[in-house]
Amino acid sequence: MTTTQPSFEVPAEMRDFAEKSVEQARNAVATILQNTRKAAESFQASTKTTELPASAAFSRGLDFTEQNVAAAFDLAQKLVRARDAQEALQLQAEYVRTQFAAMQNQAKDLVGTIQPAKA
């Protein structure tokens, strides 16, 4: 006896709404991150802390946050367009793999930013 899995189709209107919602959220978060960066840069300039390792690490941390948020929104956009649950699971697995590798590299970068270079 062969069983077939039921087909799950997302209506085009819902898919369009979801895509627009993801894009609106992406823009809102981008604005928040831009404002955070401007505020941090202003604070660092006024306190003359821009050359401190912690300040550089904070700046790199914002860079990484922007990269990670962009990757998450890219995933959300792909998930909205996924044809079925299997494709969505594959997209999620790929995202987890790439983000895990990215976070490892980001951690190494941050440690290198904080620790002084050894001659």
PDB file of N, CA and C in Angstrom:
ATOM      1  N   MET A   1       0.836  -1.175   0.000  1.00  0.00           N
ATOM      2  CA  MET A   1       0.000   0.000   0.000  1.00  0.00           C
ATOM      3  C   MET A   1       0.884   1.242   0.000  1.00  0.00           C
ATOM      4  N   THR A   2       0.654   2.101  -0.940  1.00  0.00           N
ATOM      5  CA  THR A   2       1.436   3.324  -1.071  1.00  0.00           C
ATOM      6  C   THR A   2       0.639   4.499  -0.531  1.00  0.00           C
ATOM      7  N   THR A   3       1.302   5.289   0.280  1.00  0.00           N
ATOM      8  CA  THR A   3       0.638   6.478   0.808  1.00  0.00           C
ATOM      9  C   THR A   3       1.266   7.699   0.166  1.00  0.00           C
ATOM     10  N   THR A   4       0.453   8.634  -0.139  1.00  0.00           N
ATOM     11  CA  THR A   4       0.953   9.892  -0.682  1.00  0.00           C
ATOM     12  C   THR A   4       0.737  10.978   0.350  1.00  0.00           C
ATOM     13  N   GLN A   5       1.702  11.851   0.404  1.00  0.00           N
ATOM     14  CA  GLN A   5       1.580  12.954   1.336  1.00  0.00           C
ATOM     15  C   GLN A   5       0.679  14.014   0.722  1.00  0.00           C
ATOM     16  N   PRO A   6      -0.143  14.626   1.546  1.00  0.00           N
ATOM     17  CA  PRO A   6      -1.024  15.665   1.020  1.00  0.00           C
ATOM     18  C   PRO A   6      -0.207  16.861   0.526  1.00  0.00           C
ATOM     19  N   SER A   7      -0.683  17.453  -0.528  1.00  0.00           N
ATOM     20  CA  SER A   7      -0.032  18.627  -1.095  1.00  0.00           C
ATOM     21  C   SER A   7      -0.483  19.851  -0.308  1.00  0.00           C
ATOM     22  N   PHE A   8       0.479  20.700   0.008  1.00  0.00           N
ATOM     23  CA  PHE A   8       0.167  21.929   0.733  1.00  0.00           C
ATOM     24  C   PHE A   8       0.551  23.101  -0.145  1.00  0.00           C
ATOM     25  N   GLU A   9      -0.415  23.827  -0.600  1.00  0.00           N
ATOM     26  CA  GLU A   9      -0.181  24.965  -1.484  1.00  0.00           C
ATOM     27  C   GLU A   9      -0.564  26.251  -0.764  1.00  0.00           C
ATOM     28  N   VAL A  10       0.355  27.195  -0.738  1.00  0.00           N
ATOM     29  CA  VAL A  10       0.087  28.492  -0.131  1.00  0.00           C
ATOM     30  C   VAL A  10      -0.525  29.382  -1.203  1.00  0.00           C
ATOM     31  N   PRO A  11      -1.672  29.975  -0.918  1.00  0.00           N
ATOM     32  CA  PRO A  11      -2.292  30.869  -1.905  1.00  0.00           C
ATOM     33  C   PRO A  11      -1.359  32.029  -2.271  1.00  0.00           C
ATOM     34  N   ALA A  12      -1.409  32.441  -3.522  1.00  0.00           N
ATOM     35  CA  ALA A  12      -0.532  33.510  -4.030  1.00  0.00           C
ATOM     36  C   ALA A  12      -0.675  34.787  -3.218  1.00  0.00           C
ATOM     37  N   GLU A  13      -1.879  35.106  -2.794  1.00  0.00           N
ATOM     38  CA  GLU A  13      -2.101  36.331  -2.015  1.00  0.00           C
ATOM     39  C   GLU A  13      -1.362  36.278  -0.675  1.00  0.00           C
ATOM     40  N   MET A  14      -1.406  35.112  -0.040  1.00  0.00           N
ATOM     41  CA  MET A  14      -0.697  34.957   1.233  1.00  0.00           C
ATOM     42  C   MET A  14       0.806  35.029   1.022  1.00  0.00           C
ATOM     43  N   ARG A  15       1.273  34.419  -0.042  1.00  0.00           N
ATOM     44  CA  ARG A  15       2.708  34.441  -0.348  1.00  0.00           C
ATOM     45  C   ARG A  15       3.166  35.884  -0.604  1.00  0.00           C
ATOM     46  N   ASP A  16       2.400  36.643  -1.380  1.00  0.00           N
ATOM     47  CA  ASP A  16       2.733  38.047  -1.648  1.00  0.00           C
ATOM     48  C   ASP A  16       2.747  38.865  -0.364  1.00  0.00           C
ATOM     49  N   PHE A  17       1.741  38.644   0.482  1.00  0.00           N
ATOM     50  CA  PHE A  17       1.675  39.352   1.754  1.00  0.00           C
ATOM     51  C   PHE A  17       2.889  39.025   2.619  1.00  0.00           C
ATOM     52  N   ALA A  18       3.247  37.744   2.664  1.00  0.00           N
ATOM     53  CA  ALA A  18       4.400  37.323   3.471  1.00  0.00           C
ATOM     54  C   ALA A  18       5.685  37.948   2.933  1.00  0.00           C
ATOM     55  N   GLU A  19       5.852  37.971   1.620  1.00  0.00           N
ATOM     56  CA  GLU A  19       7.055  38.565   1.035  1.00  0.00           C
ATOM     57  C   GLU A  19       7.145  40.051   1.371  1.00  0.00           C
ATOM     58  N   LYS A  20       6.019  40.761   1.261  1.00  0.00           N
ATOM     59  CA  LYS A  20       6.005  42.189   1.596  1.00  0.00           C
ATOM     60  C   LYS A  20       6.296  42.403   3.071  1.00  0.00           C
ATOM     61  N   SER A  21       5.768  41.535   3.918  1.00  0.00           N
ATOM     62  CA  SER A  21       6.007  41.646   5.360  1.00  0.00           C
ATOM     63  C   SER A  21       7.472  41.428   5.695  1.00  0.00           C
ATOM     64  N   VAL A  22       8.087  40.444   5.053  1.00  0.00           N
ATOM     65  CA  VAL A  22       9.510  40.187   5.277  1.00  0.00           C
ATOM     66  C   VAL A  22      10.328  41.395   4.840  1.00  0.00           C
ATOM     67  N   GLU A  23      10.002  41.971   3.705  1.00  0.00           N
ATOM     68  CA  GLU A  23      10.732  43.131   3.204  1.00  0.00           C
ATOM     69  C   GLU A  23      10.553  44.338   4.121  1.00  0.00           C
ATOM     70  N   GLN A  24       9.352  44.550   4.625  1.00  0.00           N
ATOM     71  CA  GLN A  24       9.111  45.655   5.558  1.00  0.00           C
ATOM     72  C   GLN A  24       9.899  45.451   6.847  1.00  0.00           C
ATOM     73  N   ALA A  25       9.912  44.239   7.345  1.00  0.00           N
ATOM     74  CA  ALA A  25      10.670  43.947   8.568  1.00  0.00           C
ATOM     75  C   ALA A  25      12.163  44.141   8.324  1.00  0.00           C
ATOM     76  N   ARG A  26      12.647  43.695   7.151  1.00  0.00           N
ATOM     77  CA  ARG A  26      14.066  43.874   6.805  1.00  0.00           C
ATOM     78  C   ARG A  26      14.426  45.362   6.819  1.00  0.00           C
ATOM     79  N   ASN A  27      13.578  46.185   6.210  1.00  0.00           N
ATOM     80  CA  ASN A  27      13.845  47.621   6.161  1.00  0.00           C
ATOM     81  C   ASN A  27      13.810  48.251   7.542  1.00  0.00           C
ATOM     82  N   ALA A  28      12.875  47.823   8.377  1.00  0.00           N
ATOM     83  CA  ALA A  28      12.783  48.363   9.733  1.00  0.00           C
ATOM     84  C   ALA A  28      14.026  48.014  10.553  1.00  0.00           C
ATOM     85  N   VAL A  29      14.467  46.777  10.463  1.00  0.00           N
ATOM     86  CA  VAL A  29      15.654  46.357  11.208  1.00  0.00           C
ATOM     87  C   VAL A  29      16.898  47.058  10.667  1.00  0.00           C
ATOM     88  N   ALA A  30      16.982  47.237   9.366  1.00  0.00           N
ATOM     89  CA  ALA A  30      18.120  47.953   8.773  1.00  0.00           C
ATOM     90  C   ALA A  30      18.181  49.381   9.296  1.00  0.00           C
ATOM     91  N   THR A  31      17.042  50.023   9.417  1.00  0.00           N
ATOM     92  CA  THR A  31      16.995  51.384   9.955  1.00  0.00           C
ATOM     93  C   THR A  31      17.455  51.413  11.405  1.00  0.00           C
ATOM     94  N   ILE A  32      17.005  50.452  12.183  1.00  0.00           N
ATOM     95  CA  ILE A  32      17.426  50.369  13.585  1.00  0.00           C
ATOM     96  C   ILE A  32      18.938  50.184  13.682  1.00  0.00           C
ATOM     97  N   LEU A  33      19.483  49.294  12.857  1.00  0.00           N
ATOM     98  CA  LEU A  33      20.925  49.054  12.896  1.00  0.00           C
ATOM     99  C   LEU A  33      21.711  50.284  12.436  1.00  0.00           C
ATOM    100  N   GLN A  34      21.222  50.993  11.427  1.00  0.00           N
ATOM    101  CA  GLN A  34      21.887  52.219  10.981  1.00  0.00           C
ATOM    102  C   GLN A  34      21.890  53.264  12.091  1.00  0.00           C
ATOM    103  N   ASN A  35      20.755  53.410  12.762  1.00  0.00           N
ATOM    104  CA  ASN A  35      20.673  54.375  13.861  1.00  0.00           C
ATOM    105  C   ASN A  35      21.575  53.972  15.022  1.00  0.00           C
ATOM    106  N   THR A  36      21.659  52.690  15.297  1.00  0.00           N
ATOM    107  CA  THR A  36      22.547  52.202  16.355  1.00  0.00           C
ATOM    108  C   THR A  36      23.993  52.514  16.017  1.00  0.00           C
ATOM    109  N   ARG A  37      24.369  52.256  14.758  1.00  0.00           N
ATOM    110  CA  ARG A  37      25.743  52.525  14.335  1.00  0.00           C
ATOM    111  C   ARG A  37      26.055  54.023  14.438  1.00  0.00           C
ATOM    112  N   LYS A  38      25.146  54.880  13.996  1.00  0.00           N
ATOM    113  CA  LYS A  38      25.352  56.333  14.073  1.00  0.00           C
ATOM    114  C   LYS A  38      25.500  56.784  15.523  1.00  0.00           C
ATOM    115  N   ALA A  39      24.653  56.258  16.392  1.00  0.00           N
ATOM    116  CA  ALA A  39      24.724  56.630  17.809  1.00  0.00           C
ATOM    117  C   ALA A  39      26.047  56.172  18.421  1.00  0.00           C
ATOM    118  N   ALA A  40      26.469  54.973  18.083  1.00  0.00           N
ATOM    119  CA  ALA A  40      27.731  54.454  18.626  1.00  0.00           C
ATOM    120  C   ALA A  40      28.914  55.273  18.119  1.00  0.00           C
ATOM    121  N   GLU A  41      28.899  55.583  16.844  1.00  0.00           N
ATOM    122  CA  GLU A  41      29.992  56.383  16.277  1.00  0.00           C
ATOM    123  C   GLU A  41      30.035  57.773  16.897  1.00  0.00           C
ATOM    124  N   SER A  42      28.880  58.354  17.115  1.00  0.00           N
ATOM    125  CA  SER A  42      28.804  59.672  17.752  1.00  0.00           C
ATOM    126  C   SER A  42      29.340  59.610  19.180  1.00  0.00           C
ATOM    127  N   PHE A  43      28.929  58.579  19.913  1.00  0.00           N
ATOM    128  CA  PHE A  43      29.403  58.416  21.291  1.00  0.00           C
ATOM    129  C   PHE A  43      30.919  58.210  21.313  1.00  0.00           C
ATOM    130  N   GLN A  44      31.423  57.355  20.429  1.00  0.00           N
ATOM    131  CA  GLN A  44      32.858  57.080  20.392  1.00  0.00           C
ATOM    132  C   GLN A  44      33.647  58.332  20.032  1.00  0.00           C
ATOM    133  N   ALA A  45      33.133  59.117  19.106  1.00  0.00           N
ATOM    134  CA  ALA A  45      33.824  60.340  18.716  1.00  0.00           C
ATOM    135  C   ALA A  45      33.832  61.353  19.859  1.00  0.00           C
ATOM    136  N   SER A  46      32.720  61.471  20.561  1.00  0.00           N
ATOM    137  CA  SER A  46      32.644  62.450  21.646  1.00  0.00           C
ATOM    138  C   SER A  46      33.463  62.035  22.860  1.00  0.00           C
ATOM    139  N   THR A  47      33.657  60.734  23.039  1.00  0.00           N
ATOM    140  CA  THR A  47      34.441  60.272  24.186  1.00  0.00           C
ATOM    141  C   THR A  47      35.856  59.868  23.802  1.00  0.00           C
ATOM    142  N   LYS A  48      36.168  60.027  22.524  1.00  0.00           N
ATOM    143  CA  LYS A  48      37.506  59.696  21.993  1.00  0.00           C
ATOM    144  C   LYS A  48      37.915  58.255  22.312  1.00  0.00           C
ATOM    145  N   THR A  49      36.966  57.340  22.179  1.00  0.00           N
ATOM    146  CA  THR A  49      37.245  55.929  22.464  1.00  0.00           C
ATOM    147  C   THR A  49      37.346  55.093  21.194  1.00  0.00           C
ATOM    148  N   THR A  50      37.399  55.739  20.035  1.00  0.00           N
ATOM    149  CA  THR A  50      37.368  54.992  18.776  1.00  0.00           C
ATOM    150  C   THR A  50      38.566  54.078  18.585  1.00  0.00           C
ATOM    151  N   GLU A  51      39.679  54.370  19.222  1.00  0.00           N
ATOM    152  CA  GLU A  51      40.883  53.565  19.029  1.00  0.00           C
ATOM    153  C   GLU A  51      41.023  52.412  20.026  1.00  0.00           C
ATOM    154  N   LEU A  52      40.141  52.332  20.997  1.00  0.00           N
ATOM    155  CA  LEU A  52      40.221  51.262  21.993  1.00  0.00           C
ATOM    156  C   LEU A  52      39.800  49.928  21.385  1.00  0.00           C
ATOM    157  N   PRO A  53      40.423  48.826  21.821  1.00  0.00           N
ATOM    158  CA  PRO A  53      40.041  47.509  21.299  1.00  0.00           C
ATOM    159  C   PRO A  53      38.562  47.191  21.493  1.00  0.00           C
ATOM    160  N   ALA A  54      38.004  47.582  22.621  1.00  0.00           N
ATOM    161  CA  ALA A  54      36.580  47.306  22.860  1.00  0.00           C
ATOM    162  C   ALA A  54      35.710  48.062  21.863  1.00  0.00           C
ATOM    163  N   SER A  55      36.122  49.244  21.504  1.00  0.00           N
ATOM    164  CA  SER A  55      35.378  50.036  20.539  1.00  0.00           C
ATOM    165  C   SER A  55      35.433  49.388  19.157  1.00  0.00           C
ATOM    166  N   ALA A  56      36.598  48.899  18.783  1.00  0.00           N
ATOM    167  CA  ALA A  56      36.741  48.200  17.503  1.00  0.00           C
ATOM    168  C   ALA A  56      35.920  46.911  17.503  1.00  0.00           C
ATOM    169  N   ALA A  57      35.927  46.224  18.629  1.00  0.00           N
ATOM    170  CA  ALA A  57      35.146  44.986  18.738  1.00  0.00           C
ATOM    171  C   ALA A  57      33.655  45.283  18.639  1.00  0.00           C
ATOM    172  N   PHE A  58      33.218  46.374  19.244  1.00  0.00           N
ATOM    173  CA  PHE A  58      31.806  46.750  19.160  1.00  0.00           C
ATOM    174  C   PHE A  58      31.432  47.032  17.708  1.00  0.00           C
ATOM    175  N   SER A  59      32.287  47.751  17.013  1.00  0.00           N
ATOM    176  CA  SER A  59      32.042  48.063  15.604  1.00  0.00           C
ATOM    177  C   SER A  59      31.976  46.783  14.764  1.00  0.00           C
ATOM    178  N   ARG A  60      32.903  45.863  14.993  1.00  0.00           N
ATOM    179  CA  ARG A  60      32.887  44.575  14.280  1.00  0.00           C
ATOM    180  C   ARG A  60      31.637  43.794  14.654  1.00  0.00           C
ATOM    181  N   GLY A  61      31.243  43.869  15.907  1.00  0.00           N
ATOM    182  CA  GLY A  61      30.018  43.192  16.344  1.00  0.00           C
ATOM    183  C   GLY A  61      28.795  43.709  15.604  1.00  0.00           C
ATOM    184  N   LEU A  62      28.739  45.015  15.371  1.00  0.00           N
ATOM    185  CA  LEU A  62      27.637  45.578  14.584  1.00  0.00           C
ATOM    186  C   LEU A  62      27.691  45.080  13.140  1.00  0.00           C
ATOM    187  N   ASP A  63      28.909  44.999  12.591  1.00  0.00           N
ATOM    188  CA  ASP A  63      29.056  44.454  11.231  1.00  0.00           C
ATOM    189  C   ASP A  63      28.497  43.033  11.173  1.00  0.00           C
ATOM    190  N   PHE A  64      28.873  42.235  12.162  1.00  0.00           N
ATOM    191  CA  PHE A  64      28.422  40.840  12.192  1.00  0.00           C
ATOM    192  C   PHE A  64      26.910  40.752  12.400  1.00  0.00           C
ATOM    193  N   THR A  65      26.384  41.635  13.239  1.00  0.00           N
ATOM    194  CA  THR A  65      24.940  41.651  13.450  1.00  0.00           C
ATOM    195  C   THR A  65      24.223  41.936  12.136  1.00  0.00           C
ATOM    196  N   GLU A  66      24.716  42.911  11.398  1.00  0.00           N
ATOM    197  CA  GLU A  66      24.112  43.232  10.102  1.00  0.00           C
ATOM    198  C   GLU A  66      24.182  42.041   9.150  1.00  0.00           C
ATOM    199  N   GLN A  67      25.325  41.361   9.119  1.00  0.00           N
ATOM    200  CA  GLN A  67      25.477  40.188   8.255  1.00  0.00           C
ATOM    201  C   GLN A  67      24.513  39.075   8.662  1.00  0.00           C
ATOM    202  N   ASN A  68      24.409  38.818   9.949  1.00  0.00           N
ATOM    203  CA  ASN A  68      23.556  37.740  10.443  1.00  0.00           C
ATOM    204  C   ASN A  68      22.071  38.049  10.232  1.00  0.00           C
ATOM    205  N   VAL A  69      21.705  39.300  10.444  1.00  0.00           N
ATOM    206  CA  VAL A  69      20.313  39.703  10.216  1.00  0.00           C
ATOM    207  C   VAL A  69      19.984  39.580   8.730  1.00  0.00           C
ATOM    208  N   ALA A  70      20.908  40.003   7.863  1.00  0.00           N
ATOM    209  CA  ALA A  70      20.682  39.881   6.419  1.00  0.00           C
ATOM    210  C   ALA A  70      20.510  38.418   6.025  1.00  0.00           C
ATOM    211  N   ALA A  71      21.328  37.543   6.595  1.00  0.00           N
ATOM    212  CA  ALA A  71      21.215  36.108   6.297  1.00  0.00           C
ATOM    213  C   ALA A  71      19.868  35.562   6.771  1.00  0.00           C
ATOM    214  N   ALA A  72      19.419  36.005   7.942  1.00  0.00           N
ATOM    215  CA  ALA A  72      18.130  35.538   8.461  1.00  0.00           C
ATOM    216  C   ALA A  72      16.977  36.019   7.574  1.00  0.00           C
ATOM    217  N   PHE A  73      17.042  37.261   7.123  1.00  0.00           N
ATOM    218  CA  PHE A  73      15.995  37.759   6.238  1.00  0.00           C
ATOM    219  C   PHE A  73      16.055  37.094   4.863  1.00  0.00           C
ATOM    220  N   ASP A  74      17.268  36.786   4.397  1.00  0.00           N
ATOM    221  CA  ASP A  74      17.383  36.042   3.135  1.00  0.00           C
ATOM    222  C   ASP A  74      16.702  34.675   3.275  1.00  0.00           C
ATOM    223  N   LEU A  75      16.931  34.021   4.406  1.00  0.00           N
ATOM    224  CA  LEU A  75      16.276  32.738   4.661  1.00  0.00           C
ATOM    225  C   LEU A  75      14.754  32.914   4.682  1.00  0.00           C
ATOM    226  N   ALA A  76      14.281  33.923   5.379  1.00  0.00           N
ATOM    227  CA  ALA A  76      12.831  34.153   5.456  1.00  0.00           C
ATOM    228  C   ALA A  76      12.246  34.342   4.057  1.00  0.00           C
ATOM    229  N   GLN A  77      12.950  35.095   3.218  1.00  0.00           N
ATOM    230  CA  GLN A  77      12.480  35.320   1.848  1.00  0.00           C
ATOM    231  C   GLN A  77      12.433  34.005   1.075  1.00  0.00           C
ATOM    232  N   LYS A  78      13.459  33.182   1.253  1.00  0.00           N
ATOM    233  CA  LYS A  78      13.479  31.879   0.575  1.00  0.00           C
ATOM    234  C   LYS A  78      12.369  30.963   1.093  1.00  0.00           C
ATOM    235  N   LEU A  79      12.140  30.992   2.396  1.00  0.00           N
ATOM    236  CA  LEU A  79      11.091  30.143   2.978  1.00  0.00           C
ATOM    237  C   LEU A  79       9.711  30.534   2.457  1.00  0.00           C
ATOM    238  N   VAL A  80       9.510  31.822   2.291  1.00  0.00           N
ATOM    239  CA  VAL A  80       8.230  32.289   1.760  1.00  0.00           C
ATOM    240  C   VAL A  80       8.003  31.731   0.354  1.00  0.00           C
ATOM    241  N   ARG A  81       9.093  31.562  -0.385  1.00  0.00           N
ATOM    242  CA  ARG A  81       8.996  31.079  -1.765  1.00  0.00           C
ATOM    243  C   ARG A  81       9.109  29.558  -1.894  1.00  0.00           C
ATOM    244  N   ALA A  82       9.350  28.873  -0.794  1.00  0.00           N
ATOM    245  CA  ALA A  82       9.520  27.414  -0.840  1.00  0.00           C
ATOM    246  C   ALA A  82       8.270  26.742  -1.403  1.00  0.00           C
ATOM    247  N   ARG A  83       8.504  25.729  -2.219  1.00  0.00           N
ATOM    248  CA  ARG A  83       7.390  25.019  -2.864  1.00  0.00           C
ATOM    249  C   ARG A  83       6.701  24.042  -1.921  1.00  0.00           C
ATOM    250  N   ASP A  84       7.484  23.478  -0.981  1.00  0.00           N
ATOM    251  CA  ASP A  84       6.904  22.495  -0.071  1.00  0.00           C
ATOM    252  C   ASP A  84       7.715  22.433   1.218  1.00  0.00           C
ATOM    253  N   ALA A  85       7.241  21.614   2.150  1.00  0.00           N
ATOM    254  CA  ALA A  85       7.897  21.506   3.454  1.00  0.00           C
ATOM    255  C   ALA A  85       9.309  20.943   3.330  1.00  0.00           C
ATOM    256  N   GLN A  86       9.515  20.013   2.407  1.00  0.00           N
ATOM    257  CA  GLN A  86      10.847  19.430   2.237  1.00  0.00           C
ATOM    258  C   GLN A  86      11.851  20.497   1.799  1.00  0.00           C
ATOM    259  N   GLU A  87      11.456  21.339   0.865  1.00  0.00           N
ATOM    260  CA  GLU A  87      12.349  22.416   0.428  1.00  0.00           C
ATOM    261  C   GLU A  87      12.617  23.378   1.583  1.00  0.00           C
ATOM    262  N   ALA A  88      11.593  23.677   2.360  1.00  0.00           N
ATOM    263  CA  ALA A  88      11.766  24.570   3.506  1.00  0.00           C
ATOM    264  C   ALA A  88      12.749  23.980   4.517  1.00  0.00           C
ATOM    265  N   LEU A  89      12.654  22.687   4.758  1.00  0.00           N
ATOM    266  CA  LEU A  89      13.590  22.035   5.680  1.00  0.00           C
ATOM    267  C   LEU A  89      15.010  22.041   5.131  1.00  0.00           C
ATOM    268  N   GLN A  90      15.167  21.852   3.835  1.00  0.00           N
ATOM    269  CA  GLN A  90      16.497  21.906   3.215  1.00  0.00           C
ATOM    270  C   GLN A  90      17.089  23.310   3.335  1.00  0.00           C
ATOM    271  N   LEU A  91      16.267  24.312   3.095  1.00  0.00           N
ATOM    272  CA  LEU A  91      16.725  25.695   3.230  1.00  0.00           C
ATOM    273  C   LEU A  91      17.165  25.984   4.659  1.00  0.00           C
ATOM    274  N   GLN A  92      16.380  25.506   5.621  1.00  0.00           N
ATOM    275  CA  GLN A  92      16.712  25.714   7.029  1.00  0.00           C
ATOM    276  C   GLN A  92      18.017  25.018   7.398  1.00  0.00           C
ATOM    277  N   ALA A  93      18.195  23.798   6.933  1.00  0.00           N
ATOM    278  CA  ALA A  93      19.425  23.058   7.230  1.00  0.00           C
ATOM    279  C   ALA A  93      20.642  23.760   6.629  1.00  0.00           C
ATOM    280  N   GLU A  94      20.510  24.238   5.416  1.00  0.00           N
ATOM    281  CA  GLU A  94      21.607  24.968   4.763  1.00  0.00           C
ATOM    282  C   GLU A  94      21.936  26.242   5.541  1.00  0.00           C
ATOM    283  N   TYR A  95      20.908  26.950   5.966  1.00  0.00           N
ATOM    284  CA  TYR A  95      21.092  28.174   6.747  1.00  0.00           C
ATOM    285  C   TYR A  95      21.844  27.881   8.046  1.00  0.00           C
ATOM    286  N   VAL A  96      21.432  26.834   8.737  1.00  0.00           N
ATOM    287  CA  VAL A  96      22.088  26.485  10.006  1.00  0.00           C
ATOM    288  C   VAL A  96      23.565  26.179   9.772  1.00  0.00           C
ATOM    289  N   ARG A  97      23.858  25.408   8.729  1.00  0.00           N
ATOM    290  CA  ARG A  97      25.263  25.079   8.424  1.00  0.00           C
ATOM    291  C   ARG A  97      26.079  26.336   8.124  1.00  0.00           C
ATOM    292  N   THR A  98      25.569  27.179   7.248  1.00  0.00           N
ATOM    293  CA  THR A  98      26.338  28.359   6.864  1.00  0.00           C
ATOM    294  C   THR A  98      26.463  29.354   8.009  1.00  0.00           C
ATOM    295  N   GLN A  99      25.414  29.504   8.805  1.00  0.00           N
ATOM    296  CA  GLN A  99      25.482  30.433   9.919  1.00  0.00           C
ATOM    297  C   GLN A  99      26.403  29.930  11.022  1.00  0.00           C
ATOM    298  N   PHE A 100      26.433  28.631  11.229  1.00  0.00           N
ATOM    299  CA  PHE A 100      27.347  28.082  12.229  1.00  0.00           C
ATOM    300  C   PHE A 100      28.791  28.381  11.826  1.00  0.00           C
ATOM    301  N   ALA A 101      29.118  28.165  10.561  1.00  0.00           N
ATOM    302  CA  ALA A 101      30.469  28.463  10.066  1.00  0.00           C
ATOM    303  C   ALA A 101      30.745  29.962  10.157  1.00  0.00           C
ATOM    304  N   ALA A 102      29.777  30.780   9.792  1.00  0.00           N
ATOM    305  CA  ALA A 102      29.962  32.234   9.858  1.00  0.00           C
ATOM    306  C   ALA A 102      30.199  32.687  11.291  1.00  0.00           C
ATOM    307  N   MET A 103      29.440  32.137  12.221  1.00  0.00           N
ATOM    308  CA  MET A 103      29.598  32.544  13.615  1.00  0.00           C
ATOM    309  C   MET A 103      30.950  32.116  14.186  1.00  0.00           C
ATOM    310  N   GLN A 104      31.443  30.966  13.747  1.00  0.00           N
ATOM    311  CA  GLN A 104      32.784  30.559  14.178  1.00  0.00           C
ATOM    312  C   GLN A 104      33.827  31.556  13.681  1.00  0.00           C
ATOM    313  N   ASN A 105      33.719  31.938  12.410  1.00  0.00           N
ATOM    314  CA  ASN A 105      34.660  32.908  11.845  1.00  0.00           C
ATOM    315  C   ASN A 105      34.519  34.269  12.516  1.00  0.00           C
ATOM    316  N   GLN A 106      33.297  34.662  12.811  1.00  0.00           N
ATOM    317  CA  GLN A 106      33.077  35.931  13.481  1.00  0.00           C
ATOM    318  C   GLN A 106      33.675  35.938  14.882  1.00  0.00           C
ATOM    319  N   ALA A 107      33.541  34.839  15.590  1.00  0.00           N
ATOM    320  CA  ALA A 107      34.123  34.753  16.937  1.00  0.00           C
ATOM    321  C   ALA A 107      35.638  34.873  16.879  1.00  0.00           C
ATOM    322  N   LYS A 108      36.258  34.189  15.920  1.00  0.00           N
ATOM    323  CA  LYS A 108      37.718  34.295  15.758  1.00  0.00           C
ATOM    324  C   LYS A 108      38.120  35.728  15.444  1.00  0.00           C
ATOM    325  N   ASP A 109      37.365  36.371  14.577  1.00  0.00           N
ATOM    326  CA  ASP A 109      37.641  37.756  14.199  1.00  0.00           C
ATOM    327  C   ASP A 109      37.533  38.670  15.417  1.00  0.00           C
ATOM    328  N   LEU A 110      36.482  38.497  16.209  1.00  0.00           N
ATOM    329  CA  LEU A 110      36.312  39.335  17.397  1.00  0.00           C
ATOM    330  C   LEU A 110      37.446  39.143  18.397  1.00  0.00           C
ATOM    331  N   VAL A 111      37.841  37.910  18.601  1.00  0.00           N
ATOM    332  CA  VAL A 111      38.952  37.648  19.519  1.00  0.00           C
ATOM    333  C   VAL A 111      40.214  38.329  18.998  1.00  0.00           C
ATOM    334  N   GLY A 112      40.442  38.242  17.692  1.00  0.00           N
ATOM    335  CA  GLY A 112      41.602  38.911  17.099  1.00  0.00           C
ATOM    336  C   GLY A 112      41.534  40.419  17.221  1.00  0.00           C
ATOM    337  N   THR A 113      40.333  40.966  17.204  1.00  0.00           N
ATOM    338  CA  THR A 113      40.159  42.411  17.335  1.00  0.00           C
ATOM    339  C   THR A 113      40.463  42.872  18.755  1.00  0.00           C
ATOM    340  N   ILE A 114      40.077  42.063  19.721  1.00  0.00           N
ATOM    341  CA  ILE A 114      40.248  42.440  21.128  1.00  0.00           C
ATOM    342  C   ILE A 114      41.679  42.214  21.602  1.00  0.00           C
ATOM    343  N   GLN A 115      42.253  41.079  21.214  1.00  0.00           N
ATOM    344  CA  GLN A 115      43.600  40.749  21.664  1.00  0.00           C
ATOM    345  C   GLN A 115      44.628  41.519  20.842  1.00  0.00           C
ATOM    346  N   PRO A 116      45.617  42.098  21.505  1.00  0.00           N
ATOM    347  CA  PRO A 116      46.650  42.806  20.746  1.00  0.00           C
ATOM    348  C   PRO A 116      47.479  41.836  19.913  1.00  0.00           C
ATOM    349  N   ALA A 117      47.896  42.293  18.774  1.00  0.00           N
ATOM    350  CA  ALA A 117      48.731  41.460  17.884  1.00  0.00           C
ATOM    351  C   ALA A 117      50.054  41.182  18.569  1.00  0.00           C
ATOM    352  N   LYS A 118      50.477  39.914  18.468  1.00  0.00           N
ATOM    353  CA  LYS A 118      51.744  39.514  19.074  1.00  0.00           C
ATOM    354  C   LYS A 118      52.812  39.543  17.998  1.00  0.00           C
ATOM    355  N   ALA A 119      53.910  40.174  18.317  1.00  0.00           N
ATOM    356  CA  ALA A 119      55.006  40.308  17.346  1.00  0.00           C
ATOM    357  C   ALA A 119      55.888  39.099  17.332  1.00  0.00           C
TER     358      ALA A 119
END
